PDB file of N, CA and C in Angstrom:
ATOM      1  N   MET A   1       0.833  -1.177   0.000  1.00  0.00           N
ATOM      2  CA  MET A   1       0.000   0.000   0.000  1.00  0.00           C
ATOM      3  C   MET A   1       0.879   1.241   0.000  1.00  0.00           C
ATOM      4  N   GLY A   2       0.426   2.243  -0.669  1.00  0.00           N
ATOM      5  CA  GLY A   2       1.197   3.479  -0.767  1.00  0.00           C
ATOM      6  C   GLY A   2       0.703   4.547   0.180  1.00  0.00           C
ATOM      7  N   ASN A   3       1.382   5.654   0.142  1.00  0.00           N
ATOM      8  CA  ASN A   3       0.979   6.801   0.956  1.00  0.00           C
ATOM      9  C   ASN A   3      -0.190   7.506   0.298  1.00  0.00           C
ATOM     10  N   ILE A   4      -1.092   7.991   1.118  1.00  0.00           N
ATOM     11  CA  ILE A   4      -2.221   8.760   0.625  1.00  0.00           C
ATOM     12  C   ILE A   4      -1.940  10.217   0.955  1.00  0.00           C
ATOM     13  N   ARG A   5      -1.856  11.049  -0.067  1.00  0.00           N
ATOM     14  CA  ARG A   5      -1.536  12.454   0.135  1.00  0.00           C
ATOM     15  C   ARG A   5      -2.767  13.299  -0.152  1.00  0.00           C
ATOM     16  N   PRO A   6      -2.912  14.396   0.586  1.00  0.00           N
ATOM     17  CA  PRO A   6      -4.032  15.301   0.319  1.00  0.00           C
ATOM     18  C   PRO A   6      -3.940  15.904  -1.080  1.00  0.00           C
ATOM     19  N   THR A   7      -5.065  16.279  -1.605  1.00  0.00           N
ATOM     20  CA  THR A   7      -5.131  16.824  -2.951  1.00  0.00           C
ATOM     21  C   THR A   7      -4.334  18.115  -3.087  1.00  0.00           C
ATOM     22  N   PHE A   8      -4.314  18.958  -2.042  1.00  0.00           N
ATOM     23  CA  PHE A   8      -3.597  20.221  -2.169  1.00  0.00           C
ATOM     24  C   PHE A   8      -2.095  20.007  -2.294  1.00  0.00           C
ATOM     25  N   ILE A   9      -1.568  18.919  -1.733  1.00  0.00           N
ATOM     26  CA  ILE A   9      -0.151  18.595  -1.882  1.00  0.00           C
ATOM     27  C   ILE A   9       0.127  18.215  -3.336  1.00  0.00           C
ATOM     28  N   LYS A  10      -0.716  17.349  -3.886  1.00  0.00           N
ATOM     29  CA  LYS A  10      -0.534  16.912  -5.271  1.00  0.00           C
ATOM     30  C   LYS A  10      -0.693  18.073  -6.242  1.00  0.00           C
ATOM     31  N   ARG A  11      -1.710  18.903  -6.018  1.00  0.00           N
ATOM     32  CA  ARG A  11      -1.952  20.040  -6.897  1.00  0.00           C
ATOM     33  C   ARG A  11      -0.778  21.013  -6.891  1.00  0.00           C
ATOM     34  N   SER A  12      -0.269  21.297  -5.709  1.00  0.00           N
ATOM     35  CA  SER A  12       0.867  22.219  -5.588  1.00  0.00           C
ATOM     36  C   SER A  12       2.099  21.659  -6.291  1.00  0.00           C
ATOM     37  N   ALA A  13       2.366  20.382  -6.083  1.00  0.00           N
ATOM     38  CA  ALA A  13       3.542  19.751  -6.672  1.00  0.00           C
ATOM     39  C   ALA A  13       3.456  19.724  -8.192  1.00  0.00           C
ATOM     40  N   ILE A  14       2.328  19.348  -8.732  1.00  0.00           N
ATOM     41  CA  ILE A  14       2.172  19.261 -10.181  1.00  0.00           C
ATOM     42  C   ILE A  14       2.216  20.649 -10.815  1.00  0.00           C
ATOM     43  N   GLU A  15       1.671  21.639 -10.138  1.00  0.00           N
ATOM     44  CA  GLU A  15       1.732  23.012 -10.643  1.00  0.00           C
ATOM     45  C   GLU A  15       3.170  23.515 -10.688  1.00  0.00           C
ATOM     46  N   LEU A  16       3.950  23.226  -9.648  1.00  0.00           N
ATOM     47  CA  LEU A  16       5.363  23.608  -9.648  1.00  0.00           C
ATOM     48  C   LEU A  16       6.123  22.900 -10.766  1.00  0.00           C
ATOM     49  N   LEU A  17       5.822  21.625 -10.979  1.00  0.00           N
ATOM     50  CA  LEU A  17       6.485  20.880 -12.055  1.00  0.00           C
ATOM     51  C   LEU A  17       6.125  21.424 -13.431  1.00  0.00           C
ATOM     52  N   LYS A  18       4.889  21.854 -13.619  1.00  0.00           N
ATOM     53  CA  LYS A  18       4.488  22.419 -14.906  1.00  0.00           C
ATOM     54  C   LYS A  18       5.181  23.752 -15.167  1.00  0.00           C
ATOM     55  N   ARG A  19       5.287  24.587 -14.129  1.00  0.00           N
ATOM     56  CA  ARG A  19       5.898  25.903 -14.298  1.00  0.00           C
ATOM     57  C   ARG A  19       7.415  25.845 -14.413  1.00  0.00           C
ATOM     58  N   TYR A  20       8.046  24.976 -13.613  1.00  0.00           N
ATOM     59  CA  TYR A  20       9.510  24.924 -13.549  1.00  0.00           C
ATOM     60  C   TYR A  20      10.016  23.492 -13.681  1.00  0.00           C
ATOM     61  N   PRO A  21       9.838  22.850 -14.825  1.00  0.00           N
ATOM     62  CA  PRO A  21      10.234  21.438 -14.947  1.00  0.00           C
ATOM     63  C   PRO A  21      11.735  21.212 -14.820  1.00  0.00           C
ATOM     64  N   GLU A  22      12.543  22.192 -15.228  1.00  0.00           N
ATOM     65  CA  GLU A  22      13.988  22.014 -15.189  1.00  0.00           C
ATOM     66  C   GLU A  22      14.573  22.205 -13.794  1.00  0.00           C
ATOM     67  N   GLN A  23      13.786  22.704 -12.857  1.00  0.00           N
ATOM     68  CA  GLN A  23      14.282  22.984 -11.505  1.00  0.00           C
ATOM     69  C   GLN A  23      14.243  21.763 -10.581  1.00  0.00           C
ATOM     70  N   PHE A  24      13.579  20.684 -10.993  1.00  0.00           N
ATOM     71  CA  PHE A  24      13.387  19.541 -10.111  1.00  0.00           C
ATOM     72  C   PHE A  24      14.028  18.283 -10.685  1.00  0.00           C
ATOM     73  N   SER A  25      14.442  17.384  -9.785  1.00  0.00           N
ATOM     74  CA  SER A  25      15.081  16.139 -10.196  1.00  0.00           C
ATOM     75  C   SER A  25      14.518  14.993  -9.351  1.00  0.00           C
ATOM     76  N   GLU A  26      15.231  13.875  -9.322  1.00  0.00           N
ATOM     77  CA  GLU A  26      14.810  12.727  -8.517  1.00  0.00           C
ATOM     78  C   GLU A  26      15.454  12.736  -7.134  1.00  0.00           C
ATOM     79  N   ASP A  27      16.088  13.849  -6.756  1.00  0.00           N
ATOM     80  CA  ASP A  27      16.761  13.979  -5.469  1.00  0.00           C
ATOM     81  C   ASP A  27      15.909  14.819  -4.525  1.00  0.00           C
ATOM     82  N   PHE A  28      15.534  14.252  -3.378  1.00  0.00           N
ATOM     83  CA  PHE A  28      14.649  14.932  -2.436  1.00  0.00           C
ATOM     84  C   PHE A  28      15.259  16.222  -1.905  1.00  0.00           C
ATOM     85  N   GLN A  29      16.532  16.194  -1.504  1.00  0.00           N
ATOM     86  CA  GLN A  29      17.170  17.389  -0.932  1.00  0.00           C
ATOM     87  C   GLN A  29      17.183  18.538  -1.938  1.00  0.00           C
ATOM     88  N   HIS A  30      17.492  18.226  -3.169  1.00  0.00           N
ATOM     89  CA  HIS A  30      17.497  19.253  -4.217  1.00  0.00           C
ATOM     90  C   HIS A  30      16.083  19.796  -4.436  1.00  0.00           C
ATOM     91  N   ASN A  31      15.102  18.919  -4.463  1.00  0.00           N
ATOM     92  CA  ASN A  31      13.714  19.338  -4.671  1.00  0.00           C
ATOM     93  C   ASN A  31      13.209  20.186  -3.510  1.00  0.00           C
ATOM     94  N   LYS A  32      13.636  19.854  -2.306  1.00  0.00           N
ATOM     95  CA  LYS A  32      13.227  20.613  -1.126  1.00  0.00           C
ATOM     96  C   LYS A  32      13.747  22.047  -1.216  1.00  0.00           C
ATOM     97  N   GLU A  33      15.004  22.205  -1.613  1.00  0.00           N
ATOM     98  CA  GLU A  33      15.589  23.535  -1.755  1.00  0.00           C
ATOM     99  C   GLU A  33      14.934  24.313  -2.889  1.00  0.00           C
ATOM    100  N   SER A  34      14.668  23.642  -3.991  1.00  0.00           N
ATOM    101  CA  SER A  34      14.023  24.296  -5.134  1.00  0.00           C
ATOM    102  C   SER A  34      12.602  24.739  -4.788  1.00  0.00           C
ATOM    103  N   ALA A  35      11.865  23.893  -4.097  1.00  0.00           N
ATOM    104  CA  ALA A  35      10.501  24.239  -3.707  1.00  0.00           C
ATOM    105  C   ALA A  35      10.500  25.434  -2.767  1.00  0.00           C
ATOM    106  N   GLU A  36      11.479  25.509  -1.883  1.00  0.00           N
ATOM    107  CA  GLU A  36      11.593  26.636  -0.952  1.00  0.00           C
ATOM    108  C   GLU A  36      11.807  27.944  -1.707  1.00  0.00           C
ATOM    109  N   LYS A  37      12.628  27.912  -2.753  1.00  0.00           N
ATOM    110  CA  LYS A  37      12.919  29.114  -3.533  1.00  0.00           C
ATOM    111  C   LYS A  37      11.734  29.544  -4.394  1.00  0.00           C
ATOM    112  N   LEU A  38      11.029  28.570  -4.968  1.00  0.00           N
ATOM    113  CA  LEU A  38      10.017  28.876  -5.980  1.00  0.00           C
ATOM    114  C   LEU A  38       8.624  29.139  -5.421  1.00  0.00           C
ATOM    115  N   ALA A  39       8.343  28.679  -4.214  1.00  0.00           N
ATOM    116  CA  ALA A  39       7.002  28.845  -3.658  1.00  0.00           C
ATOM    117  C   ALA A  39       7.094  29.251  -2.195  1.00  0.00           C
ATOM    118  N   ASP A  40       6.020  29.837  -1.697  1.00  0.00           N
ATOM    119  CA  ASP A  40       5.969  30.276  -0.304  1.00  0.00           C
ATOM    120  C   ASP A  40       5.059  29.317   0.463  1.00  0.00           C
ATOM    121  N   PHE A  41       5.660  28.415   1.243  1.00  0.00           N
ATOM    122  CA  PHE A  41       4.894  27.452   2.028  1.00  0.00           C
ATOM    123  C   PHE A  41       4.781  27.944   3.460  1.00  0.00           C
ATOM    124  N   HIS A  42       3.662  27.672   4.095  1.00  0.00           N
ATOM    125  CA  HIS A  42       3.447  28.162   5.449  1.00  0.00           C
ATOM    126  C   HIS A  42       4.127  27.312   6.514  1.00  0.00           C
ATOM    127  N   SER A  43       4.634  26.137   6.141  1.00  0.00           N
ATOM    128  CA  SER A  43       5.354  25.316   7.113  1.00  0.00           C
ATOM    129  C   SER A  43       6.364  24.423   6.398  1.00  0.00           C
ATOM    130  N   HIS A  44       7.354  23.970   7.153  1.00  0.00           N
ATOM    131  CA  HIS A  44       8.355  23.071   6.601  1.00  0.00           C
ATOM    132  C   HIS A  44       7.743  21.713   6.268  1.00  0.00           C
ATOM    133  N   LYS A  45       6.749  21.309   7.034  1.00  0.00           N
ATOM    134  CA  LYS A  45       6.112  20.019   6.801  1.00  0.00           C
ATOM    135  C   LYS A  45       5.424  19.980   5.431  1.00  0.00           C
ATOM    136  N   VAL A  46       4.726  21.041   5.098  1.00  0.00           N
ATOM    137  CA  VAL A  46       4.051  21.100   3.797  1.00  0.00           C
ATOM    138  C   VAL A  46       5.083  21.139   2.677  1.00  0.00           C
ATOM    139  N   ARG A  47       6.138  21.937   2.854  1.00  0.00           N
ATOM    140  CA  ARG A  47       7.210  22.002   1.857  1.00  0.00           C
ATOM    141  C   ARG A  47       7.824  20.628   1.626  1.00  0.00           C
ATOM    142  N   ASN A  48       8.099  19.910   2.705  1.00  0.00           N
ATOM    143  CA  ASN A  48       8.704  18.586   2.590  1.00  0.00           C
ATOM    144  C   ASN A  48       7.776  17.591   1.918  1.00  0.00           C
ATOM    145  N   ARG A  49       6.492  17.679   2.205  1.00  0.00           N
ATOM    146  CA  ARG A  49       5.538  16.757   1.582  1.00  0.00           C
ATOM    147  C   ARG A  49       5.414  17.023   0.082  1.00  0.00           C
ATOM    148  N   VAL A  50       5.424  18.305  -0.308  1.00  0.00           N
ATOM    149  CA  VAL A  50       5.379  18.662  -1.725  1.00  0.00           C
ATOM    150  C   VAL A  50       6.651  18.176  -2.414  1.00  0.00           C
ATOM    151  N   ALA A  51       7.809  18.408  -1.794  1.00  0.00           N
ATOM    152  CA  ALA A  51       9.079  17.974  -2.375  1.00  0.00           C
ATOM    153  C   ALA A  51       9.125  16.452  -2.493  1.00  0.00           C
ATOM    154  N   GLY A  52       8.606  15.753  -1.510  1.00  0.00           N
ATOM    155  CA  GLY A  52       8.564  14.293  -1.556  1.00  0.00           C
ATOM    156  C   GLY A  52       7.671  13.787  -2.671  1.00  0.00           C
ATOM    157  N   TYR A  53       6.529  14.443  -2.868  1.00  0.00           N
ATOM    158  CA  TYR A  53       5.644  14.025  -3.940  1.00  0.00           C
ATOM    159  C   TYR A  53       6.281  14.301  -5.303  1.00  0.00           C
ATOM    160  N   ILE A  54       6.964  15.431  -5.434  1.00  0.00           N
ATOM    161  CA  ILE A  54       7.658  15.738  -6.688  1.00  0.00           C
ATOM    162  C   ILE A  54       8.707  14.676  -6.977  1.00  0.00           C
ATOM    163  N   THR A  55       9.447  14.254  -5.948  1.00  0.00           N
ATOM    164  CA  THR A  55      10.474  13.230  -6.112  1.00  0.00           C
ATOM    165  C   THR A  55       9.866  11.925  -6.604  1.00  0.00           C
ATOM    166  N   ARG A  56       8.796  11.481  -5.978  1.00  0.00           N
ATOM    167  CA  ARG A  56       8.137  10.243  -6.387  1.00  0.00           C
ATOM    168  C   ARG A  56       7.570  10.370  -7.801  1.00  0.00           C
ATOM    169  N   TYR A  57       6.969  11.498  -8.095  1.00  0.00           N
ATOM    170  CA  TYR A  57       6.365  11.744  -9.402  1.00  0.00           C
ATOM    171  C   TYR A  57       7.429  11.678 -10.501  1.00  0.00           C
ATOM    172  N   ARG A  58       8.581  12.313 -10.271  1.00  0.00           N
ATOM    173  CA  ARG A  58       9.668  12.282 -11.251  1.00  0.00           C
ATOM    174  C   ARG A  58      10.202  10.873 -11.450  1.00  0.00           C
ATOM    175  N   LYS A  59      10.302  10.087 -10.371  1.00  0.00           N
ATOM    176  CA  LYS A  59      10.793   8.714 -10.479  1.00  0.00           C
ATOM    177  C   LYS A  59       9.825   7.850 -11.287  1.00  0.00           C
ATOM    178  N   VAL A  60       8.548   8.040 -11.074  1.00  0.00           N
ATOM    179  CA  VAL A  60       7.541   7.277 -11.823  1.00  0.00           C
ATOM    180  C   VAL A  60       7.592   7.651 -13.297  1.00  0.00           C
ATOM    181  N   LEU A  61       7.715   8.951 -13.598  1.00  0.00           N
ATOM    182  CA  LEU A  61       7.812   9.378 -14.993  1.00  0.00           C
ATOM    183  C   LEU A  61       9.068   8.821 -15.657  1.00  0.00           C
ATOM    184  N   ALA A  62      10.162   8.761 -14.923  1.00  0.00           N
ATOM    185  CA  ALA A  62      11.410   8.242 -15.483  1.00  0.00           C
ATOM    186  C   ALA A  62      11.289   6.759 -15.811  1.00  0.00           C
ATOM    187  N   ARG A  63      10.546   6.013 -14.995  1.00  0.00           N
ATOM    188  CA  ARG A  63      10.354   4.575 -15.255  1.00  0.00           C
ATOM    189  C   ARG A  63       9.499   4.334 -16.476  1.00  0.00           C
ATOM    190  N   LYS A  64       8.527   5.222 -16.750  1.00  0.00           N
ATOM    191  CA  LYS A  64       7.628   5.035 -17.876  1.00  0.00           C
ATOM    192  C   LYS A  64       8.310   5.310 -19.202  1.00  0.00           C
ATOM    193  N   ILE A  65       9.324   6.145 -19.184  1.00  0.00           N
ATOM    194  CA  ILE A  65      10.006   6.523 -20.442  1.00  0.00           C
ATOM    195  C   ILE A  65      11.029   5.502 -20.824  1.00  0.00           C
TER     196      ILE A  65
END
């Protein structure tokens, strides 16, 4: 079973990926720093969850290609 993430986390992550696709990779630490620069999150927990979802999303896309 996988993690269930709230819709606002997924929406935020996918929107960031659409706007800045070259800024994100499959590395969580890099994605966390990029998300901090590109968006204003109200807490570190939300930032980390968005960065984690971006990381997983990029890994899944890489496997499909």
